[in-house]
Amino acid sequence: MPQTVEINLRLPSFRMKAAGTEEAKVIDNSAIRFSKCVELQTIPKQGDVLEMSAGRSAFPCEVLQVNWHESKNTFVVACKYGRSRMLPEDYFEISGASEWTSKPLL
């Protein structure tokens, strides 16, 4: 039976070169999480890899933890970006996508 869950995604920080310069800018994502509600066939387990999307791109994310949140009446699935490097294109797709909401950590 399909279940709606909240994905809480942690993106890695990365360096991005500014156009026309040799200087790299650091995009620090350590204090931000991106969330989105999705419908899954089963509740994932730690270590599972889910295929997520943002705009036109798809990317893997690894499940770190799954918790029931009574106040939200749903499972919250904590994930991390599943590739070894964060691509700037993926970052801009995720951060600019209307279905993903960014939340600063306190």
Protein backbone atom coordinates (compact mmCIF):
# COMPACT_ATOMS: atom_id res chain seq x y z
CA MET A 1 0.00 0.00 0.00
CA PRO A 2 1.52 3.37 -0.98
CA GLN A 3 2.58 5.61 1.88
CA THR A 4 3.32 9.35 1.75
CA VAL A 5 6.61 10.18 3.50
CA GLU A 6 8.67 13.32 3.93
CA ILE A 7 12.17 13.16 2.45
CA ASN A 8 14.68 15.24 4.42
CA LEU A 9 17.73 15.57 2.14
CA ARG A 10 21.23 16.62 3.13
CA LEU A 11 23.34 17.95 0.27
CA PRO A 12 27.13 18.07 0.45
CA SER A 13 29.02 21.34 0.34
CA PHE A 14 31.04 21.89 -2.83
CA ARG A 15 33.30 24.34 -4.65
CA MET A 16 32.18 26.04 -7.82
CA LYS A 17 34.31 28.20 -10.08
CA ALA A 18 32.84 31.55 -11.00
CA ALA A 19 32.50 32.14 -14.73
CA GLY A 20 35.59 33.73 -16.23
CA THR A 21 37.72 33.47 -13.07
CA GLU A 22 40.01 30.96 -11.42
CA GLU A 23 38.52 31.70 -8.00
CA ALA A 24 36.26 29.02 -6.53
CA LYS A 25 33.24 29.81 -4.39
CA VAL A 26 32.23 27.40 -1.62
CA ILE A 27 28.55 26.47 -1.48
CA ASP A 28 28.09 25.39 2.15
CA ASN A 29 25.05 23.17 2.66
CA SER A 30 25.93 21.95 6.15
CA ALA A 31 23.18 24.00 7.84
CA ILE A 32 20.40 23.45 5.27
CA ARG A 33 18.11 20.51 4.55
CA PHE A 34 15.79 20.15 1.60
CA SER A 35 12.45 18.42 2.06
CA LYS A 36 9.72 17.08 -0.15
CA CYS A 37 6.74 14.76 0.32
CA VAL A 38 6.69 11.69 -1.92
CA GLU A 39 4.58 8.58 -2.19
CA LEU A 40 6.49 5.31 -1.82
CA GLN A 41 5.30 1.72 -2.11
CA THR A 42 7.10 0.71 1.11
CA ILE A 43 8.81 2.52 3.95
CA PRO A 44 12.54 2.45 3.14
CA LYS A 45 15.20 1.10 5.49
CA GLN A 46 18.58 2.50 6.41
CA GLY A 47 21.01 1.94 3.53
CA ASP A 48 18.33 1.84 0.82
CA VAL A 49 18.93 4.07 -2.19
CA LEU A 50 15.99 6.09 -3.49
CA GLU A 51 15.80 7.78 -6.87
CA MET A 52 14.68 11.38 -6.37
CA SER A 53 14.04 14.10 -8.93
CA ALA A 54 14.13 17.84 -9.18
CA GLY A 55 13.04 19.58 -12.33
CA ARG A 56 14.46 17.61 -15.24
CA SER A 57 17.22 15.81 -13.34
CA ALA A 58 17.16 12.63 -11.29
CA PHE A 59 19.67 11.67 -8.61
CA PRO A 60 20.15 8.92 -6.01
CA CYS A 61 19.87 9.53 -2.30
CA GLU A 62 20.86 7.12 0.47
CA VAL A 63 18.54 6.56 3.41
CA LEU A 64 20.28 7.35 6.70
CA GLN A 65 17.37 7.08 9.14
CA VAL A 66 13.60 6.68 9.20
CA ASN A 67 11.50 8.10 12.05
CA TRP A 68 7.80 8.43 12.72
CA HIS A 69 6.86 12.04 13.58
CA GLU A 70 3.64 12.15 15.54
CA SER A 71 3.14 15.88 15.04
CA LYS A 72 3.39 15.49 11.24
CA ASN A 73 1.56 12.14 11.26
CA THR A 74 4.09 10.76 8.77
CA PHE A 75 7.45 9.05 8.45
CA VAL A 76 10.41 11.37 7.92
CA VAL A 77 13.16 9.75 5.86
CA ALA A 78 16.57 11.36 6.43
CA CYS A 79 18.73 10.98 3.31
CA LYS A 80 22.02 12.15 1.91
CA TYR A 81 22.87 12.95 -1.69
CA GLY A 82 23.93 9.63 -3.23
CA ARG A 83 26.72 10.66 -5.57
CA SER A 84 30.34 11.11 -4.54
CA ARG A 85 30.39 14.72 -5.81
CA MET A 86 27.73 17.39 -5.87
CA LEU A 87 27.31 18.68 -9.40
CA PRO A 88 26.44 22.38 -9.66
CA GLU A 89 23.64 21.52 -12.12
CA ASP A 90 22.04 19.16 -9.59
CA TYR A 91 22.38 21.72 -6.81
CA PHE A 92 20.66 24.43 -8.85
CA GLU A 93 17.92 22.02 -9.97
CA ILE A 94 17.18 20.99 -6.36
CA SER A 95 17.48 24.44 -4.79
CA GLY A 96 15.35 26.01 -7.53
CA ALA A 97 12.69 23.32 -7.76
CA SER A 98 9.25 24.23 -6.47
CA GLU A 99 8.67 20.75 -5.02
CA TRP A 100 11.72 20.96 -2.72
CA THR A 101 11.61 23.26 0.33
CA SER A 102 14.84 24.41 2.00
CA LYS A 103 14.93 24.54 5.80
CA PRO A 104 17.78 26.02 7.80
CA LEU A 105 18.92 23.96 10.79
CA LEU A 106 18.74 25.69 14.15
